[in-house]
C-alpha atoms as a PDB file:
ATOM      1  CA  MET A   1      14.631  25.805  10.420  1.00  0.00           C
ATOM      2  CA  SER A   2      12.705  28.899   9.376  1.00  0.00           C
ATOM      3  CA  ASP A   3      15.224  29.632   6.603  1.00  0.00           C
ATOM      4  CA  LEU A   4      15.229  26.071   5.264  1.00  0.00           C
ATOM      5  CA  GLN A   5      12.549  24.632   3.026  1.00  0.00           C
ATOM      6  CA  GLY A   6      11.127  21.181   2.264  1.00  0.00           C
ATOM      7  CA  PHE A   7       8.269  18.920   3.296  1.00  0.00           C
ATOM      8  CA  LEU A   8      10.581  16.084   4.406  1.00  0.00           C
ATOM      9  CA  PRO A   9      14.398  16.111   4.763  1.00  0.00           C
ATOM     10  CA  PRO A  10      16.823  17.082   3.476  1.00  0.00           C
ATOM     11  CA  PHE A  11      15.860  20.710   4.148  1.00  0.00           C
ATOM     12  CA  THR A  12      17.667  23.301   2.037  1.00  0.00           C
ATOM     13  CA  PRO A  13      17.288  27.026   1.248  1.00  0.00           C
ATOM     14  CA  THR A  14      15.326  26.209  -1.932  1.00  0.00           C
ATOM     15  CA  GLY A  15      13.569  23.040  -0.787  1.00  0.00           C
ATOM     16  CA  ASN A  16      14.323  21.381  -4.137  1.00  0.00           C
ATOM     17  CA  SER A  17      16.333  18.553  -2.558  1.00  0.00           C
ATOM     18  CA  ALA A  18      13.521  17.398  -0.261  1.00  0.00           C
ATOM     19  CA  LEU A  19      12.811  13.676  -0.540  1.00  0.00           C
ATOM     20  CA  VAL A  20       9.092  14.420  -0.727  1.00  0.00           C
ATOM     21  CA  PRO A  21       7.425  17.640  -1.957  1.00  0.00           C
ATOM     22  CA  GLU A  22       4.455  19.328  -0.344  1.00  0.00           C
ATOM     23  CA  MET A  23       0.991  17.761  -0.660  1.00  0.00           C
ATOM     24  CA  PRO A  24      -1.275  17.156  -2.514  1.00  0.00           C
ATOM     25  CA  TRP A  25       0.144  14.021  -4.147  1.00  0.00           C
ATOM     26  CA  HIS A  26      -1.583  12.678  -7.252  1.00  0.00           C
ATOM     27  CA  TYR A  27      -1.530   9.011  -8.297  1.00  0.00           C
ATOM     28  CA  SER A  28      -2.482   7.243 -11.528  1.00  0.00           C
ATOM     29  CA  GLY A  29      -1.958   3.536 -11.971  1.00  0.00           C
ATOM     30  CA  THR A  30      -3.260  -0.007 -11.828  1.00  0.00           C
ATOM     31  CA  LEU A  31      -4.043  -2.382  -8.981  1.00  0.00           C
ATOM     32  CA  LEU A  32      -3.748  -6.165  -9.268  1.00  0.00           C
ATOM     33  CA  THR A  33      -5.391  -7.549  -6.143  1.00  0.00           C
ATOM     34  CA  ILE A  34      -5.672 -11.053  -4.744  1.00  0.00           C
ATOM     35  CA  GLU A  35      -8.019 -11.518  -1.813  1.00  0.00           C
ATOM     36  CA  TYR A  36      -7.694 -14.604   0.365  1.00  0.00           C
ATOM     37  CA  ARG A  37      -8.368 -15.857   3.874  1.00  0.00           C
ATOM     38  CA  THR A  38      -5.742 -16.625   6.481  1.00  0.00           C
ATOM     39  CA  ASP A  39      -5.833 -17.707  10.132  1.00  0.00           C
ATOM     40  CA  VAL A  40      -7.681 -15.129  12.207  1.00  0.00           C
ATOM     41  CA  GLU A  41      -5.095 -15.397  14.992  1.00  0.00           C
ATOM     42  CA  LYS A  42      -2.395 -14.355  12.481  1.00  0.00           C
ATOM     43  CA  ILE A  43      -4.194 -11.081  11.802  1.00  0.00           C
ATOM     44  CA  ARG A  44      -4.827 -10.562  15.515  1.00  0.00           C
ATOM     45  CA  ALA A  45      -1.078 -10.915  16.116  1.00  0.00           C
ATOM     46  CA  LEU A  46      -0.348  -8.107  13.612  1.00  0.00           C
ATOM     47  CA  LEU A  47      -2.791  -5.649  15.216  1.00  0.00           C
ATOM     48  CA  PRO A  48      -1.753  -3.433  18.131  1.00  0.00           C
ATOM     49  CA  SER A  49      -3.651  -4.026  21.371  1.00  0.00           C
ATOM     50  CA  ASP A  50      -5.765  -0.900  20.879  1.00  0.00           C
ATOM     51  CA  LEU A  51      -7.330  -2.359  17.703  1.00  0.00           C
ATOM     52  CA  ASP A  52      -9.863  -5.171  17.389  1.00  0.00           C
ATOM     53  CA  LEU A  53     -10.568  -7.611  14.576  1.00  0.00           C
ATOM     54  CA  ALA A  54     -13.086  -6.617  11.907  1.00  0.00           C
ATOM     55  CA  ASP A  55     -16.691  -7.502  12.667  1.00  0.00           C
ATOM     56  CA  GLU A  56     -17.147  -9.709   9.577  1.00  0.00           C
ATOM     57  CA  ASP A  57     -14.722 -12.037   7.803  1.00  0.00           C
ATOM     58  CA  PRO A  58     -11.825 -11.045  10.112  1.00  0.00           C
ATOM     59  CA  GLY A  59      -9.391 -13.427   8.403  1.00  0.00           C
ATOM     60  CA  ALA A  60      -9.595 -11.741   4.986  1.00  0.00           C
ATOM     61  CA  VAL A  61      -6.416 -10.354   3.399  1.00  0.00           C
ATOM     62  CA  ALA A  62      -5.738  -8.408   0.199  1.00  0.00           C
ATOM     63  CA  LEU A  63      -2.296  -8.697  -1.383  1.00  0.00           C
ATOM     64  CA  ILE A  64      -2.029  -5.891  -3.919  1.00  0.00           C
ATOM     65  CA  TRP A  65       0.469  -5.051  -6.664  1.00  0.00           C
ATOM     66  CA  ALA A  66       0.315  -1.379  -7.670  1.00  0.00           C
ATOM     67  CA  ASP A  67       2.012   0.145 -10.729  1.00  0.00           C
ATOM     68  CA  TRP A  68       2.042   3.886 -10.056  1.00  0.00           C
ATOM     69  CA  GLN A  69       2.858   7.173 -11.727  1.00  0.00           C
ATOM     70  CA  SER A  70       2.668   9.987  -9.191  1.00  0.00           C
ATOM     71  CA  CYS A  71       3.393  13.678  -8.874  1.00  0.00           C
ATOM     72  CA  SER A  72       2.866  16.739  -6.734  1.00  0.00           C
ATOM     73  CA  GLU A  73       0.853  19.780  -7.777  1.00  0.00           C
ATOM     74  CA  GLY A  74       1.973  21.047 -11.170  1.00  0.00           C
ATOM     75  CA  GLY A  75       3.233  17.634 -12.286  1.00  0.00           C
ATOM     76  CA  ALA A  76       6.938  18.494 -12.618  1.00  0.00           C
ATOM     77  CA  GLU A  77       7.893  14.889 -11.749  1.00  0.00           C
ATOM     78  CA  LEU A  78       6.122  13.580 -14.844  1.00  0.00           C
ATOM     79  CA  LEU A  79       8.880  15.004 -17.064  1.00  0.00           C
ATOM     80  CA  ASP A  80      11.485  13.079 -15.052  1.00  0.00           C
ATOM     81  CA  PRO A  81       9.944   9.585 -14.936  1.00  0.00           C
ATOM     82  CA  ALA A  82      12.568   8.249 -12.520  1.00  0.00           C
ATOM     83  CA  ARG A  83      11.011  10.610 -10.010  1.00  0.00           C
ATOM     84  CA  SER A  84       7.378   9.694 -10.738  1.00  0.00           C
ATOM     85  CA  GLN A  85       7.175   5.980 -11.572  1.00  0.00           C
ATOM     86  CA  TYR A  86       7.375   3.173  -9.023  1.00  0.00           C
ATOM     87  CA  LEU A  87       5.776  -0.116  -8.007  1.00  0.00           C
ATOM     88  CA  GLU A  88       4.646  -1.450  -4.676  1.00  0.00           C
ATOM     89  CA  ALA A  89       3.252  -4.652  -3.225  1.00  0.00           C
ATOM     90  CA  PHE A  90       1.321  -4.531   0.008  1.00  0.00           C
ATOM     91  CA  ALA A  91      -0.806  -6.634   2.330  1.00  0.00           C
ATOM     92  CA  VAL A  92      -4.038  -5.151   3.674  1.00  0.00           C
ATOM     93  CA  VAL A  93      -6.272  -6.495   6.434  1.00  0.00           C
ATOM     94  CA  ARG A  94      -9.255  -4.964   8.180  1.00  0.00           C
ATOM     95  CA  CYS A  95      -9.583  -3.916  11.803  1.00  0.00           C
ATOM     96  CA  ASN A  96     -11.983  -2.211  14.202  1.00  0.00           C
ATOM     97  CA  PHE A  97     -11.202   0.915  16.199  1.00  0.00           C
ATOM     98  CA  GLU A  98     -13.755   2.344  18.613  1.00  0.00           C
ATOM     99  CA  GLY A  99     -16.605   0.507  16.913  1.00  0.00           C
ATOM    100  CA  LYS A 100     -15.735   1.384  13.309  1.00  0.00           C
ATOM    101  CA  ASN A 101     -14.135  -0.879  10.701  1.00  0.00           C
ATOM    102  CA  TYR A 102     -11.076   0.257   8.756  1.00  0.00           C
ATOM    103  CA  SER A 103      -8.602  -1.129   6.237  1.00  0.00           C
ATOM    104  CA  ARG A 104      -5.001  -1.359   7.450  1.00  0.00           C
ATOM    105  CA  CYS A 105      -1.752  -1.968   5.591  1.00  0.00           C
ATOM    106  CA  VAL A 106       0.399  -4.311   7.672  1.00  0.00           C
ATOM    107  CA  LEU A 107       3.232  -5.073   5.209  1.00  0.00           C
ATOM    108  CA  ILE A 108       4.428  -3.144   2.169  1.00  0.00           C
ATOM    109  CA  TRP A 109       7.409  -3.038  -0.196  1.00  0.00           C
ATOM    110  CA  VAL A 110       8.155  -0.285  -2.735  1.00  0.00           C
ATOM    111  CA  THR A 111      10.795   0.386  -5.382  1.00  0.00           C
ATOM    112  CA  LYS A 112      11.668   4.070  -4.746  1.00  0.00           C
ATOM    113  CA  ASP A 113      12.891   6.080  -1.767  1.00  0.00           C
ATOM    114  CA  PHE A 114      10.389   8.931  -2.186  1.00  0.00           C
ATOM    115  CA  ALA A 115       7.564   6.389  -1.857  1.00  0.00           C
ATOM    116  CA  ILE A 116       9.092   5.246   1.443  1.00  0.00           C
ATOM    117  CA  GLY A 117       9.197   8.851   2.678  1.00  0.00           C
ATOM    118  CA  ARG A 118       5.549   9.462   1.823  1.00  0.00           C
ATOM    119  CA  GLY A 119       4.585   6.134   3.361  1.00  0.00           C
ATOM    120  CA  TRP A 120       6.329   6.670   6.690  1.00  0.00           C
ATOM    121  CA  TYR A 121       4.688  10.092   6.905  1.00  0.00           C
ATOM    122  CA  GLN A 122       1.282   8.416   6.437  1.00  0.00           C
ATOM    123  CA  GLY A 123       1.986   5.453   8.712  1.00  0.00           C
ATOM    124  CA  TYR A 124       2.611   2.802   6.049  1.00  0.00           C
ATOM    125  CA  PRO A 125       5.403   0.363   7.106  1.00  0.00           C
ATOM    126  CA  LYS A 126       7.248   0.664   3.791  1.00  0.00           C
ATOM    127  CA  LYS A 127      10.471  -1.173   2.894  1.00  0.00           C
ATOM    128  CA  LEU A 128      12.428  -1.425  -0.338  1.00  0.00           C
ATOM    129  CA  GLY A 129      11.619  -4.388  -2.577  1.00  0.00           C
ATOM    130  CA  ASN A 130      11.845  -5.713  -6.127  1.00  0.00           C
ATOM    131  CA  ILE A 131       8.361  -5.750  -7.640  1.00  0.00           C
ATOM    132  CA  ASN A 132       7.085  -6.712 -11.076  1.00  0.00           C
ATOM    133  CA  VAL A 133       3.612  -7.009 -12.554  1.00  0.00           C
ATOM    134  CA  THR A 134       2.270  -7.690 -16.061  1.00  0.00           C
ATOM    135  CA  ARG A 135       0.967  -4.560 -17.763  1.00  0.00           C
ATOM    136  CA  ILE A 136      -2.144  -4.467 -19.923  1.00  0.00           C
ATOM    137  CA  PHE A 137      -1.852  -2.759 -23.308  1.00  0.00           C
ATOM    138  CA  ASN A 138      -4.616  -2.924 -25.860  1.00  0.00           C
ATOM    139  CA  HIS A 139      -2.332  -2.967 -28.912  1.00  0.00           C
ATOM    140  CA  GLY A 140       0.324  -5.419 -30.066  1.00  0.00           C
ATOM    141  CA  LYS A 141       1.204  -8.984 -29.124  1.00  0.00           C
ATOM    142  CA  ALA A 142       3.453  -8.377 -26.114  1.00  0.00           C
ATOM    143  CA  ALA A 143       0.693  -7.706 -23.579  1.00  0.00           C
ATOM    144  CA  PRO A 144      -2.726  -9.034 -22.568  1.00  0.00           C
ATOM    145  CA  ARG A 145      -5.774  -6.961 -23.450  1.00  0.00           C
ATOM    146  CA  LEU A 146      -8.351  -5.961 -20.859  1.00  0.00           C
ATOM    147  CA  ALA A 147     -10.678  -8.813 -21.738  1.00  0.00           C
ATOM    148  CA  ALA A 148     -11.916 -12.161 -20.509  1.00  0.00           C
ATOM    149  CA  GLY A 149      -9.078 -14.700 -20.383  1.00  0.00           C
ATOM    150  CA  ALA A 150      -6.289 -12.160 -19.864  1.00  0.00           C
ATOM    151  CA  LYS A 151      -3.539 -13.542 -17.622  1.00  0.00           C
ATOM    152  CA  LEU A 152      -1.434 -11.248 -15.455  1.00  0.00           C
ATOM    153  CA  GLY A 153       1.575 -12.328 -13.426  1.00  0.00           C
ATOM    154  CA  ALA A 154       3.178 -10.589 -10.462  1.00  0.00           C
ATOM    155  CA  SER A 155       6.175 -11.114  -8.211  1.00  0.00           C
ATOM    156  CA  LEU A 156       7.663  -9.644  -5.054  1.00  0.00           C
ATOM    157  CA  ALA A 157      11.200 -10.042  -3.750  1.00  0.00           C
ATOM    158  CA  ALA A 158      13.270  -8.289  -1.106  1.00  0.00           C
ATOM    159  CA  TYR A 159      16.990  -8.599  -0.376  1.00  0.00           C
ATOM    160  CA  ASP A 160      17.165 -11.030  -3.327  1.00  0.00           C
ATOM    161  CA  HIS A 161      14.621 -13.436  -1.776  1.00  0.00           C
ATOM    162  CA  ARG A 162      11.319 -14.217  -3.524  1.00  0.00           C
ATOM    163  CA  LEU A 163       8.390 -13.492  -1.209  1.00  0.00           C
ATOM    164  CA  ALA A 164       5.370 -13.796  -3.500  1.00  0.00           C
ATOM    165  CA  SER A 165       4.385 -15.074  -6.943  1.00  0.00           C
ATOM    166  CA  ALA A 166       0.912 -14.635  -8.390  1.00  0.00           C
ATOM    167  CA  VAL A 167      -1.195 -15.182 -11.509  1.00  0.00           C
ATOM    168  CA  VAL A 168      -4.635 -13.650 -12.058  1.00  0.00           C
ATOM    169  CA  THR A 169      -6.841 -14.762 -14.963  1.00  0.00           C
ATOM    170  CA  LEU A 170      -9.538 -12.194 -15.662  1.00  0.00           C
ATOM    171  CA  ARG A 171     -13.048 -13.525 -16.182  1.00  0.00           C
ATOM    172  CA  GLU A 172     -15.523 -10.633 -16.384  1.00  0.00           C
ATOM    173  CA  PRO A 173     -16.269  -7.073 -15.238  1.00  0.00           C
ATOM    174  CA  ALA A 174     -17.128  -6.823 -11.546  1.00  0.00           C
ATOM    175  CA  GLN A 175     -19.165  -4.605  -9.262  1.00  0.00           C
ATOM    176  CA  ASN A 176     -16.127  -3.691  -7.160  1.00  0.00           C
ATOM    177  CA  ASN A 177     -12.411  -4.259  -6.678  1.00  0.00           C
ATOM    178  CA  GLY A 178     -12.863  -6.456  -3.610  1.00  0.00           C
ATOM    179  CA  PHE A 179     -13.794  -5.594  -0.035  1.00  0.00           C
ATOM    180  CA  VAL A 180     -10.646  -5.765   2.096  1.00  0.00           C
ATOM    181  CA  ASN A 181      -9.045  -2.551   0.796  1.00  0.00           C
ATOM    182  CA  ALA A 182     -12.348  -0.701   0.393  1.00  0.00           C
ATOM    183  CA  LEU A 183     -12.428   1.223   3.697  1.00  0.00           C
ATOM    184  CA  PRO A 184     -10.554   4.284   4.989  1.00  0.00           C
ATOM    185  CA  MET A 185      -7.055   3.368   6.149  1.00  0.00           C
ATOM    186  CA  LEU A 186      -6.194   3.307   9.848  1.00  0.00           C
ATOM    187  CA  HIS A 187      -2.490   3.574  10.700  1.00  0.00           C
ATOM    188  CA  HIS A 188      -0.192   4.156  13.651  1.00  0.00           C
ATOM    189  CA  ARG A 189       2.486   6.815  13.057  1.00  0.00           C
ATOM    190  CA  LEU A 190       5.392   5.824  15.290  1.00  0.00           C
ATOM    191  CA  MET A 191       8.922   7.042  15.971  1.00  0.00           C
ATOM    192  CA  PRO A 192      10.901   6.118  19.109  1.00  0.00           C
ATOM    193  CA  SER A 193      12.564   8.859  21.120  1.00  0.00           C
ATOM    194  CA  ILE A 194      16.242   9.480  20.447  1.00  0.00           C
ATOM    195  CA  GLN A 195      16.684   9.147  24.211  1.00  0.00           C
ATOM    196  CA  ARG A 196      16.623   5.490  25.148  1.00  0.00           C
ATOM    197  CA  GLY A 197      13.752   4.542  27.440  1.00  0.00           C
ATOM    198  CA  ALA A 198      11.911   7.830  26.851  1.00  0.00           C
ATOM    199  CA  GLY A 199       8.995   6.300  24.943  1.00  0.00           C
ATOM    200  CA  TRP A 200       7.675   7.352  21.580  1.00  0.00           C
ATOM    201  CA  SER A 201       8.429  10.820  20.227  1.00  0.00           C
ATOM    202  CA  LEU A 202       5.663  10.186  17.690  1.00  0.00           C
ATOM    203  CA  ASP A 203       2.718   7.949  18.650  1.00  0.00           C
ATOM    204  CA  GLN A 204      -0.451   8.738  16.754  1.00  0.00           C
ATOM    205  CA  ILE A 205      -3.461   6.864  15.394  1.00  0.00           C
ATOM    206  CA  VAL A 206      -4.589   8.383  12.095  1.00  0.00           C
ATOM    207  CA  THR A 207      -7.076   7.672   9.346  1.00  0.00           C
ATOM    208  CA  MET A 208      -7.024   8.732   5.717  1.00  0.00           C
ATOM    209  CA  SER A 209      -8.728   8.298   2.377  1.00  0.00           C
ATOM    210  CA  GLY A 210      -7.971   9.497  -1.120  1.00  0.00           C
ATOM    211  CA  ILE A 211      -9.954  12.275  -2.762  1.00  0.00           C
ATOM    212  CA  ASP A 212     -10.922  13.035  -6.370  1.00  0.00           C
ATOM    213  CA  ALA A 213     -11.083   9.321  -7.168  1.00  0.00           C
ATOM    214  CA  ASP A 214     -11.191   8.521 -10.902  1.00  0.00           C
ATOM    215  CA  LEU A 215     -11.746   4.774 -11.195  1.00  0.00           C
ATOM    216  CA  GLY A 216     -11.775   2.421 -14.148  1.00  0.00           C
ATOM    217  CA  GLU A 217     -14.035  -0.583 -14.499  1.00  0.00           C
ATOM    218  CA  PRO A 218     -13.004  -3.391 -12.125  1.00  0.00           C
ATOM    219  CA  TRP A 219     -12.508  -6.938 -13.400  1.00  0.00           C
ATOM    220  CA  ILE A 220     -12.674 -10.162 -11.402  1.00  0.00           C
ATOM    221  CA  GLY A 221     -11.144 -13.553 -12.050  1.00  0.00           C
ATOM    222  CA  GLU A 222      -9.374 -16.584 -10.676  1.00  0.00           C
ATOM    223  CA  ALA A 223      -6.106 -16.222  -8.774  1.00  0.00           C
ATOM    224  CA  GLU A 224      -3.069 -18.279  -7.835  1.00  0.00           C
ATOM    225  CA  LEU A 225      -0.777 -17.113  -5.055  1.00  0.00           C
ATOM    226  CA  THR A 226       2.395 -18.556  -3.541  1.00  0.00           C
ATOM    227  CA  LEU A 227       4.076 -16.847  -0.583  1.00  0.00           C
ATOM    228  CA  GLY A 228       7.541 -17.215   0.885  1.00  0.00           C
ATOM    229  CA  ASP A 229       9.696 -16.141   3.818  1.00  0.00           C
ATOM    230  CA  SER A 230      13.295 -15.050   4.123  1.00  0.00           C
ATOM    231  CA  GLU A 231      15.630 -14.283   6.979  1.00  0.00           C
ATOM    232  CA  TRP A 232      14.410 -10.671   6.818  1.00  0.00           C
ATOM    233  CA  ASP A 233      10.745 -10.956   5.836  1.00  0.00           C
ATOM    234  CA  GLU A 234       7.958 -13.214   7.099  1.00  0.00           C
ATOM    235  CA  LEU A 235       5.134 -12.833   4.605  1.00  0.00           C
ATOM    236  CA  ALA A 236       4.234 -16.527   4.339  1.00  0.00           C
ATOM    237  CA  SER A 237       4.522 -17.110   8.093  1.00  0.00           C
ATOM    238  CA  MET A 238       2.550 -14.033   9.111  1.00  0.00           C
ATOM    239  CA  LEU A 239      -0.228 -14.223   6.501  1.00  0.00           C
ATOM    240  CA  PRO A 240      -0.390 -17.791   5.118  1.00  0.00           C
ATOM    241  CA  VAL A 241      -2.874 -18.535   2.351  1.00  0.00           C
ATOM    242  CA  ARG A 242      -5.731 -20.759   3.525  1.00  0.00           C
ATOM    243  CA  GLU A 243      -8.400 -20.002   0.880  1.00  0.00           C
ATOM    244  CA  ILE A 244      -8.305 -17.879  -2.276  1.00  0.00           C
ATOM    245  CA  ILE A 245     -11.325 -15.589  -2.637  1.00  0.00           C
ATOM    246  CA  ALA A 246     -10.713 -13.917  -6.023  1.00  0.00           C
ATOM    247  CA  GLY A 247      -8.370 -11.826  -8.140  1.00  0.00           C
ATOM    248  CA  TYR A 248      -9.127  -8.299  -9.338  1.00  0.00           C
ATOM    249  CA  TYR A 249      -7.711  -5.730 -11.744  1.00  0.00           C
ATOM    250  CA  ARG A 250      -8.535  -2.031 -11.920  1.00  0.00           C
ATOM    251  CA  GLU A 251      -7.108   1.190 -13.275  1.00  0.00           C
ATOM    252  CA  VAL A 252      -7.269   3.947 -10.667  1.00  0.00           C
ATOM    253  CA  GLY A 253      -6.561   7.608 -10.094  1.00  0.00           C
ATOM    254  CA  VAL A 254      -6.605   9.308  -6.695  1.00  0.00           C
ATOM    255  CA  THR A 255      -5.182  12.260  -4.759  1.00  0.00           C
ATOM    256  CA  PHE A 256      -3.840  12.304  -1.205  1.00  0.00           C
ATOM    257  CA  ALA A 257      -4.205  15.647   0.576  1.00  0.00           C
ATOM    258  CA  GLY A 258      -3.909  14.709   4.245  1.00  0.00           C
ATOM    259  CA  GLY A 259      -5.559  12.606   6.922  1.00  0.00           C
ATOM    260  CA  THR A 260      -7.300  12.884  10.285  1.00  0.00           C
ATOM    261  CA  LEU A 261      -5.655  12.569  13.696  1.00  0.00           C
ATOM    262  CA  LEU A 262      -7.733  10.259  15.913  1.00  0.00           C
ATOM    263  CA  ARG A 263      -5.421   9.928  18.921  1.00  0.00           C
ATOM    264  CA  ASP A 264      -2.087  11.461  19.928  1.00  0.00           C
ATOM    265  CA  ARG A 265      -0.030   9.772  22.664  1.00  0.00           C
ATOM    266  CA  SER A 266       3.346  11.242  21.705  1.00  0.00           C
ATOM    267  CA  VAL A 267       5.693  11.922  24.591  1.00  0.00           C
ATOM    268  CA  LYS A 268       5.962  15.648  25.241  1.00  0.00           C
ATOM    269  CA  ILE A 269       9.348  16.737  26.602  1.00  0.00           C
END
């Protein structure tokens, strides 16, 4: 492999064909977030046995639609927008590991393969999906403005099945963008051994946060959210809506440059 280059496969002599380039990865975009409460036992069922429920409000969930433009250092992807623009929808809960609370992504769908590659590297359980969200533009009649009364819609589908529909009506500027997705992420990076019965070739607990955050003013408002299931996805069954907390909108910028290994239980051959 010493003569082949690339951060993730495929590895080639130049490295230009790699699905994902070397870190750091820069992100600019918007987050449309709906926070709600579900059954605490549903969240417990989604957490591995080595994690506990969050100390406060353990049934809280954030379902987030993100509209991203991303690039590696130098920004070459920005001149080929197919390589830099994508959307994702993801469910975040909170958990406790060794006495500290973390945010944790338990379900996530994205629209591009390079986003899946980055996510699996980080421990996000990413799958392909069809995601749409209303964009705010402050000129013209074909978009809401960032102002009180603005209505934003969002949808999520996978394998041609609708999994989520949402509407957020902005009310006023807020102090924050919610609390569920406000902590460092805690993920398990897992890959089973190619040899059946040999355990996990990769079994790590990691944490990570973005750096160089450049955040716009958050807005809060009322939210409507309808979830669904399909033969292949169980969003409504796993995280049913019991009580809406609020909807949020924020423009964000952040950089990912690596995480921290907390525990490594990978099988060594």
